[in-house]
N, C-alpha and C. Protein backbone atom coordinates (compact mmCIF):
# COMPACT_ATOMS: atom_id res chain seq x y z
N MET A 1 22.61 -18.98 -32.09
CA MET A 1 21.76 -20.18 -31.85
C MET A 1 20.36 -19.70 -31.68
N ALA A 2 20.10 -18.71 -30.84
CA ALA A 2 18.76 -18.23 -30.53
C ALA A 2 18.09 -17.65 -31.81
N VAL A 3 18.90 -17.07 -32.71
CA VAL A 3 18.36 -16.55 -33.91
C VAL A 3 17.91 -17.65 -34.83
N LYS A 4 18.69 -18.75 -34.91
CA LYS A 4 18.25 -19.84 -35.77
C LYS A 4 17.04 -20.51 -35.30
N ILE A 5 16.87 -20.64 -33.95
CA ILE A 5 15.70 -21.23 -33.39
C ILE A 5 14.50 -20.38 -33.64
N PHE A 6 14.67 -19.02 -33.53
CA PHE A 6 13.59 -18.08 -33.85
C PHE A 6 13.17 -18.16 -35.31
N LYS A 7 14.05 -18.24 -36.24
CA LYS A 7 13.73 -18.33 -37.61
C LYS A 7 13.05 -19.65 -37.92
N LEU A 8 13.46 -20.75 -37.31
CA LEU A 8 12.80 -22.01 -37.52
C LEU A 8 11.39 -21.96 -36.93
N TYR A 9 11.24 -21.40 -35.77
CA TYR A 9 9.87 -21.24 -35.15
C TYR A 9 8.97 -20.45 -36.07
N ASN A 10 9.42 -19.33 -36.57
CA ASN A 10 8.65 -18.49 -37.41
C ASN A 10 8.30 -19.20 -38.78
N LYS A 11 9.26 -20.03 -39.31
CA LYS A 11 8.99 -20.82 -40.48
C LYS A 11 7.88 -21.85 -40.29
N LYS A 12 7.92 -22.53 -39.11
CA LYS A 12 6.89 -23.45 -38.80
C LYS A 12 5.54 -22.80 -38.63
N ILE A 13 5.47 -21.65 -38.04
CA ILE A 13 4.20 -20.90 -37.89
C ILE A 13 3.71 -20.54 -39.35
N TYR A 14 4.53 -20.07 -40.20
CA TYR A 14 4.21 -19.68 -41.53
C TYR A 14 3.65 -20.82 -42.29
N ILE A 15 4.32 -22.00 -42.15
CA ILE A 15 3.81 -23.27 -42.89
C ILE A 15 2.45 -23.68 -42.25
N PHE A 16 2.33 -23.56 -40.96
CA PHE A 16 1.03 -23.89 -40.29
C PHE A 16 -0.06 -22.99 -40.86
N ARG A 17 0.24 -21.72 -41.05
CA ARG A 17 -0.83 -20.82 -41.57
C ARG A 17 -1.18 -21.11 -42.97
N ILE A 18 -0.23 -21.49 -43.78
CA ILE A 18 -0.54 -21.88 -45.11
C ILE A 18 -1.44 -23.12 -45.13
N ILE A 19 -1.03 -24.16 -44.46
CA ILE A 19 -1.84 -25.36 -44.33
C ILE A 19 -3.25 -25.03 -43.77
N TYR A 20 -3.27 -24.24 -42.73
CA TYR A 20 -4.56 -23.96 -42.11
C TYR A 20 -5.48 -23.23 -43.13
N SER A 21 -4.95 -22.29 -43.89
CA SER A 21 -5.70 -21.61 -44.93
C SER A 21 -6.25 -22.54 -45.98
N ILE A 22 -5.44 -23.54 -46.39
CA ILE A 22 -5.85 -24.50 -47.40
C ILE A 22 -6.87 -25.41 -46.87
N VAL A 23 -6.75 -25.86 -45.59
CA VAL A 23 -7.73 -26.78 -45.02
C VAL A 23 -9.09 -26.10 -44.76
N MET A 24 -9.12 -24.84 -44.35
CA MET A 24 -10.38 -24.21 -44.09
C MET A 24 -11.11 -23.98 -45.39
N ASN A 25 -12.26 -24.61 -45.51
CA ASN A 25 -13.10 -24.45 -46.62
C ASN A 25 -13.93 -23.16 -46.44
N LYS A 26 -14.08 -22.40 -47.49
CA LYS A 26 -14.79 -21.11 -47.37
C LYS A 26 -16.25 -21.27 -46.97
N ASP A 27 -16.84 -22.43 -47.16
CA ASP A 27 -18.17 -22.71 -46.74
C ASP A 27 -18.34 -23.04 -45.33
N GLU A 28 -17.26 -23.31 -44.68
CA GLU A 28 -17.30 -23.72 -43.24
C GLU A 28 -17.54 -22.48 -42.39
N LYS A 29 -18.36 -22.67 -41.35
CA LYS A 29 -18.64 -21.58 -40.41
C LYS A 29 -17.69 -21.64 -39.29
N MET A 30 -16.90 -20.61 -39.05
CA MET A 30 -15.96 -20.60 -38.01
C MET A 30 -16.20 -19.27 -37.15
N LYS A 31 -16.46 -19.44 -35.91
CA LYS A 31 -16.75 -18.19 -35.14
C LYS A 31 -15.33 -17.63 -34.72
N VAL A 32 -15.19 -16.32 -35.03
CA VAL A 32 -13.94 -15.64 -34.73
C VAL A 32 -14.35 -14.43 -33.87
N THR A 33 -13.63 -14.22 -32.79
CA THR A 33 -13.84 -13.09 -31.92
C THR A 33 -12.58 -12.09 -32.02
N ASN A 34 -12.70 -10.96 -31.37
CA ASN A 34 -11.66 -10.01 -31.29
C ASN A 34 -10.44 -10.57 -30.65
N THR A 35 -10.69 -11.38 -29.59
CA THR A 35 -9.62 -12.04 -28.85
C THR A 35 -8.87 -13.05 -29.81
N ASP A 36 -9.65 -13.80 -30.59
CA ASP A 36 -9.04 -14.67 -31.56
C ASP A 36 -8.14 -13.99 -32.53
N LEU A 37 -8.58 -12.85 -33.03
CA LEU A 37 -7.75 -12.02 -33.93
C LEU A 37 -6.40 -11.60 -33.26
N LEU A 38 -6.48 -11.18 -31.98
CA LEU A 38 -5.27 -10.80 -31.36
C LEU A 38 -4.33 -11.93 -31.02
N LYS A 39 -4.87 -13.05 -30.80
CA LYS A 39 -4.03 -14.33 -30.48
C LYS A 39 -3.45 -14.95 -31.72
N ASN A 40 -4.15 -14.83 -32.85
CA ASN A 40 -3.80 -15.47 -34.03
C ASN A 40 -3.59 -14.46 -35.18
N ARG A 41 -2.62 -13.69 -35.10
CA ARG A 41 -2.27 -12.73 -36.10
C ARG A 41 -2.04 -13.25 -37.53
N TYR A 42 -2.53 -12.54 -38.49
CA TYR A 42 -2.29 -12.95 -39.86
C TYR A 42 -2.66 -14.39 -40.16
N THR A 43 -3.82 -14.83 -39.64
CA THR A 43 -4.17 -16.22 -39.72
C THR A 43 -5.43 -16.48 -40.56
N TYR A 44 -6.38 -15.58 -40.38
CA TYR A 44 -7.71 -15.91 -40.91
C TYR A 44 -7.92 -15.47 -42.44
N SER A 45 -8.64 -16.24 -43.17
CA SER A 45 -8.88 -15.95 -44.53
C SER A 45 -9.91 -14.78 -44.57
N ILE A 46 -9.96 -14.13 -45.81
CA ILE A 46 -10.94 -13.07 -45.97
C ILE A 46 -12.41 -13.71 -45.86
N ASP A 47 -12.62 -14.84 -46.40
CA ASP A 47 -13.90 -15.44 -46.20
C ASP A 47 -14.33 -15.61 -44.80
N ILE A 48 -13.43 -16.12 -43.93
CA ILE A 48 -13.73 -16.21 -42.52
C ILE A 48 -14.02 -14.91 -41.86
N LEU A 49 -13.19 -13.94 -42.23
CA LEU A 49 -13.38 -12.56 -41.66
C LEU A 49 -14.74 -11.94 -42.08
N GLU A 50 -15.10 -12.15 -43.35
CA GLU A 50 -16.36 -11.64 -43.84
C GLU A 50 -17.55 -12.30 -43.14
N GLN A 51 -17.46 -13.59 -42.88
CA GLN A 51 -18.47 -14.29 -42.15
C GLN A 51 -18.64 -13.73 -40.76
N ASN A 52 -17.64 -13.17 -40.20
CA ASN A 52 -17.58 -12.86 -38.72
C ASN A 52 -17.64 -11.36 -38.45
N ILE A 53 -17.39 -10.50 -39.44
CA ILE A 53 -17.26 -9.10 -39.11
C ILE A 53 -18.52 -8.49 -38.56
N VAL A 54 -19.69 -8.76 -39.16
CA VAL A 54 -20.92 -8.17 -38.65
C VAL A 54 -21.54 -9.05 -37.59
N GLU A 55 -21.59 -10.34 -37.86
CA GLU A 55 -22.21 -11.23 -36.90
C GLU A 55 -21.57 -11.28 -35.54
N ASN A 56 -20.21 -11.11 -35.52
CA ASN A 56 -19.53 -11.22 -34.22
C ASN A 56 -18.97 -9.79 -33.75
N HIS A 57 -19.43 -8.75 -34.43
CA HIS A 57 -18.97 -7.41 -34.17
C HIS A 57 -17.49 -7.25 -34.00
N LEU A 58 -16.73 -7.73 -35.00
CA LEU A 58 -15.29 -7.58 -34.99
C LEU A 58 -14.87 -6.14 -35.01
N ASP A 59 -13.93 -5.82 -34.28
CA ASP A 59 -13.40 -4.41 -34.17
C ASP A 59 -12.53 -4.10 -35.37
N GLU A 60 -12.86 -3.02 -36.13
CA GLU A 60 -12.09 -2.63 -37.26
C GLU A 60 -10.64 -2.31 -36.97
N LYS A 61 -10.38 -1.70 -35.88
CA LYS A 61 -8.97 -1.40 -35.52
C LYS A 61 -8.22 -2.69 -35.32
N ILE A 62 -8.82 -3.67 -34.68
CA ILE A 62 -8.08 -4.93 -34.44
C ILE A 62 -7.96 -5.67 -35.72
N LEU A 63 -8.89 -5.63 -36.57
CA LEU A 63 -8.76 -6.24 -37.88
C LEU A 63 -7.55 -5.68 -38.61
N LEU A 64 -7.49 -4.36 -38.71
CA LEU A 64 -6.40 -3.69 -39.47
C LEU A 64 -5.05 -4.02 -38.84
N ALA A 65 -4.94 -4.09 -37.51
CA ALA A 65 -3.68 -4.32 -36.89
C ALA A 65 -3.19 -5.77 -36.86
N THR A 66 -4.14 -6.73 -37.00
CA THR A 66 -3.78 -8.09 -36.79
C THR A 66 -3.99 -9.07 -38.02
N GLN A 67 -4.59 -8.55 -39.05
CA GLN A 67 -4.86 -9.51 -40.19
C GLN A 67 -4.41 -8.85 -41.54
N THR A 68 -4.13 -9.64 -42.42
CA THR A 68 -3.76 -9.19 -43.83
C THR A 68 -5.06 -9.14 -44.60
N LEU A 69 -5.48 -7.87 -44.93
CA LEU A 69 -6.74 -7.69 -45.59
C LEU A 69 -6.55 -7.31 -47.04
N THR A 70 -7.59 -7.55 -47.85
CA THR A 70 -7.61 -7.12 -49.23
C THR A 70 -8.03 -5.71 -49.35
N PRO A 71 -7.70 -5.01 -50.46
CA PRO A 71 -8.25 -3.70 -50.68
C PRO A 71 -9.76 -3.73 -50.73
N GLU A 72 -10.39 -4.74 -51.34
CA GLU A 72 -11.83 -4.80 -51.46
C GLU A 72 -12.46 -4.99 -50.05
N PHE A 73 -11.85 -5.81 -49.17
CA PHE A 73 -12.36 -5.88 -47.85
C PHE A 73 -12.31 -4.55 -47.08
N CYS A 74 -11.17 -3.85 -47.19
CA CYS A 74 -11.06 -2.61 -46.56
C CYS A 74 -12.09 -1.56 -46.97
N VAL A 75 -12.28 -1.49 -48.23
CA VAL A 75 -13.32 -0.52 -48.77
C VAL A 75 -14.70 -0.90 -48.33
N LYS A 76 -15.03 -2.22 -48.42
CA LYS A 76 -16.35 -2.68 -48.03
C LYS A 76 -16.63 -2.57 -46.52
N TYR A 77 -15.66 -2.99 -45.74
CA TYR A 77 -15.98 -3.09 -44.25
C TYR A 77 -15.29 -2.06 -43.37
N ILE A 78 -14.20 -1.47 -43.82
CA ILE A 78 -13.40 -0.69 -42.89
C ILE A 78 -13.50 0.81 -43.19
N LEU A 79 -13.29 1.13 -44.46
CA LEU A 79 -13.26 2.62 -44.90
C LEU A 79 -14.59 3.25 -44.64
N ASP A 80 -14.44 4.44 -44.01
CA ASP A 80 -15.62 5.27 -43.67
C ASP A 80 -15.29 6.70 -44.02
N LEU A 81 -15.76 7.11 -45.21
CA LEU A 81 -15.57 8.44 -45.71
C LEU A 81 -16.61 9.43 -45.25
N ASP A 82 -17.67 8.88 -44.59
CA ASP A 82 -18.77 9.71 -44.18
C ASP A 82 -18.69 10.15 -42.73
N ILE A 83 -17.51 9.96 -42.09
CA ILE A 83 -17.37 10.41 -40.66
C ILE A 83 -17.43 11.93 -40.64
N GLU A 84 -18.39 12.43 -39.78
CA GLU A 84 -18.55 13.82 -39.64
C GLU A 84 -18.03 14.37 -38.40
N GLY A 85 -17.85 15.65 -38.29
CA GLY A 85 -17.31 16.22 -37.03
C GLY A 85 -15.92 16.06 -36.81
N GLY A 86 -15.40 16.66 -35.80
CA GLY A 86 -13.98 16.57 -35.49
C GLY A 86 -13.63 15.74 -34.34
N GLY A 87 -14.50 14.71 -34.05
CA GLY A 87 -14.28 13.87 -32.89
C GLY A 87 -13.04 13.07 -32.97
N GLU A 88 -12.67 12.44 -31.84
CA GLU A 88 -11.49 11.69 -31.70
C GLU A 88 -11.46 10.53 -32.66
N GLU A 89 -12.53 9.89 -33.02
CA GLU A 89 -12.55 8.83 -33.90
C GLU A 89 -12.62 9.23 -35.36
N SER A 90 -12.80 10.43 -35.74
CA SER A 90 -13.11 10.84 -37.09
C SER A 90 -12.03 10.54 -38.14
N TYR A 91 -10.78 10.46 -37.64
CA TYR A 91 -9.74 10.18 -38.68
C TYR A 91 -9.49 8.68 -38.91
N ILE A 92 -10.02 7.86 -38.09
CA ILE A 92 -9.54 6.52 -37.96
C ILE A 92 -9.65 5.65 -39.24
N PHE A 93 -10.80 5.69 -39.87
CA PHE A 93 -10.98 4.81 -40.92
C PHE A 93 -10.87 5.41 -42.30
N ASP A 94 -9.99 6.32 -42.49
CA ASP A 94 -9.75 6.96 -43.77
C ASP A 94 -8.68 6.18 -44.49
N VAL A 95 -8.41 6.54 -45.72
CA VAL A 95 -7.39 5.86 -46.55
C VAL A 95 -6.04 5.75 -45.94
N CYS A 96 -5.60 6.91 -45.41
CA CYS A 96 -4.22 6.97 -44.86
C CYS A 96 -4.09 6.05 -43.67
N TYR A 97 -5.14 5.98 -42.76
CA TYR A 97 -5.07 5.08 -41.58
C TYR A 97 -5.02 3.67 -42.07
N ILE A 98 -5.81 3.28 -42.98
CA ILE A 98 -5.85 1.90 -43.51
C ILE A 98 -4.47 1.55 -44.06
N LEU A 99 -3.88 2.46 -44.91
CA LEU A 99 -2.56 2.16 -45.48
C LEU A 99 -1.49 2.05 -44.45
N SER A 100 -1.59 2.67 -43.31
CA SER A 100 -0.57 2.64 -42.30
C SER A 100 -0.46 1.23 -41.67
N PHE A 101 -1.58 0.48 -41.66
CA PHE A 101 -1.56 -0.89 -41.17
C PHE A 101 -1.44 -1.91 -42.26
N GLN A 102 -1.95 -1.62 -43.36
CA GLN A 102 -1.94 -2.63 -44.50
C GLN A 102 -0.93 -2.19 -45.51
N LYS A 103 0.30 -2.47 -45.21
CA LYS A 103 1.42 -1.88 -46.06
C LYS A 103 1.45 -2.48 -47.49
N HIS A 104 0.82 -3.64 -47.67
CA HIS A 104 0.85 -4.24 -48.96
C HIS A 104 -0.18 -3.64 -49.97
N ILE A 105 -1.10 -2.79 -49.44
CA ILE A 105 -2.08 -2.16 -50.25
C ILE A 105 -1.59 -0.82 -50.68
N THR A 106 -1.83 -0.48 -51.92
CA THR A 106 -1.46 0.87 -52.35
C THR A 106 -2.57 1.89 -52.31
N GLU A 107 -2.26 3.12 -52.23
CA GLU A 107 -3.28 4.19 -52.24
C GLU A 107 -4.10 4.15 -53.56
N LYS A 108 -3.48 3.83 -54.60
CA LYS A 108 -4.14 3.75 -55.92
C LYS A 108 -5.19 2.61 -55.95
N GLU A 109 -4.83 1.47 -55.32
CA GLU A 109 -5.83 0.37 -55.24
C GLU A 109 -7.09 0.81 -54.49
N LEU A 110 -6.89 1.48 -53.40
CA LEU A 110 -8.02 1.87 -52.62
C LEU A 110 -8.83 3.00 -53.33
N THR A 111 -8.18 3.95 -53.88
CA THR A 111 -8.95 5.05 -54.51
C THR A 111 -9.59 4.56 -55.78
N ASP A 112 -9.02 3.65 -56.53
CA ASP A 112 -9.75 3.03 -57.65
C ASP A 112 -11.00 2.37 -57.24
N LEU A 113 -10.92 1.59 -56.15
CA LEU A 113 -12.14 0.84 -55.66
C LEU A 113 -13.19 1.81 -55.15
N ILE A 114 -12.70 2.92 -54.48
CA ILE A 114 -13.64 3.88 -54.00
C ILE A 114 -14.41 4.57 -55.20
N ASN A 115 -13.59 4.87 -56.21
CA ASN A 115 -14.22 5.48 -57.44
C ASN A 115 -15.17 4.55 -58.11
N ILE A 116 -14.82 3.32 -58.17
CA ILE A 116 -15.77 2.21 -58.78
C ILE A 116 -17.00 2.19 -58.00
N SER A 117 -16.90 2.11 -56.67
CA SER A 117 -18.07 1.98 -55.78
C SER A 117 -19.04 3.22 -55.89
N ASP A 118 -18.32 4.40 -56.01
CA ASP A 118 -19.12 5.65 -56.22
C ASP A 118 -19.90 5.67 -57.52
N ASP A 119 -19.40 4.96 -58.61
CA ASP A 119 -20.10 4.87 -59.78
C ASP A 119 -21.42 4.07 -59.75
N PHE A 120 -21.43 3.14 -58.74
CA PHE A 120 -22.59 2.36 -58.60
C PHE A 120 -23.65 2.85 -57.53
N VAL A 121 -23.32 3.95 -56.92
CA VAL A 121 -24.30 4.56 -55.99
C VAL A 121 -25.39 5.22 -56.74
N VAL A 122 -26.64 4.86 -56.37
CA VAL A 122 -27.81 5.39 -57.05
C VAL A 122 -28.37 6.58 -56.31
């Protein structure tokens, strides 16, 4: 009985997220904080996240762990291949780290985007 209720509850959340995504217009301004990301996992559209990542200083680790991101978003806002030194944070935003959280993204997708972006660096 508890399993059926849990499945029904998850189904309602999933339906709510779909409706929420459809209702939110990409031109609408919605302020999202790190706390919002933690409370509302897998909820926000890429448009909403892009509007908020710089303006509201969203934490990249929280984004990776709580939201479904596109390969493009990860390369543009998360990936950091220029981390120097052997500090504690130096491994965090590499390809492997991103892939460990974003299971739907392939290594090929990320490397192809990295190569494309390298072609446009002047």
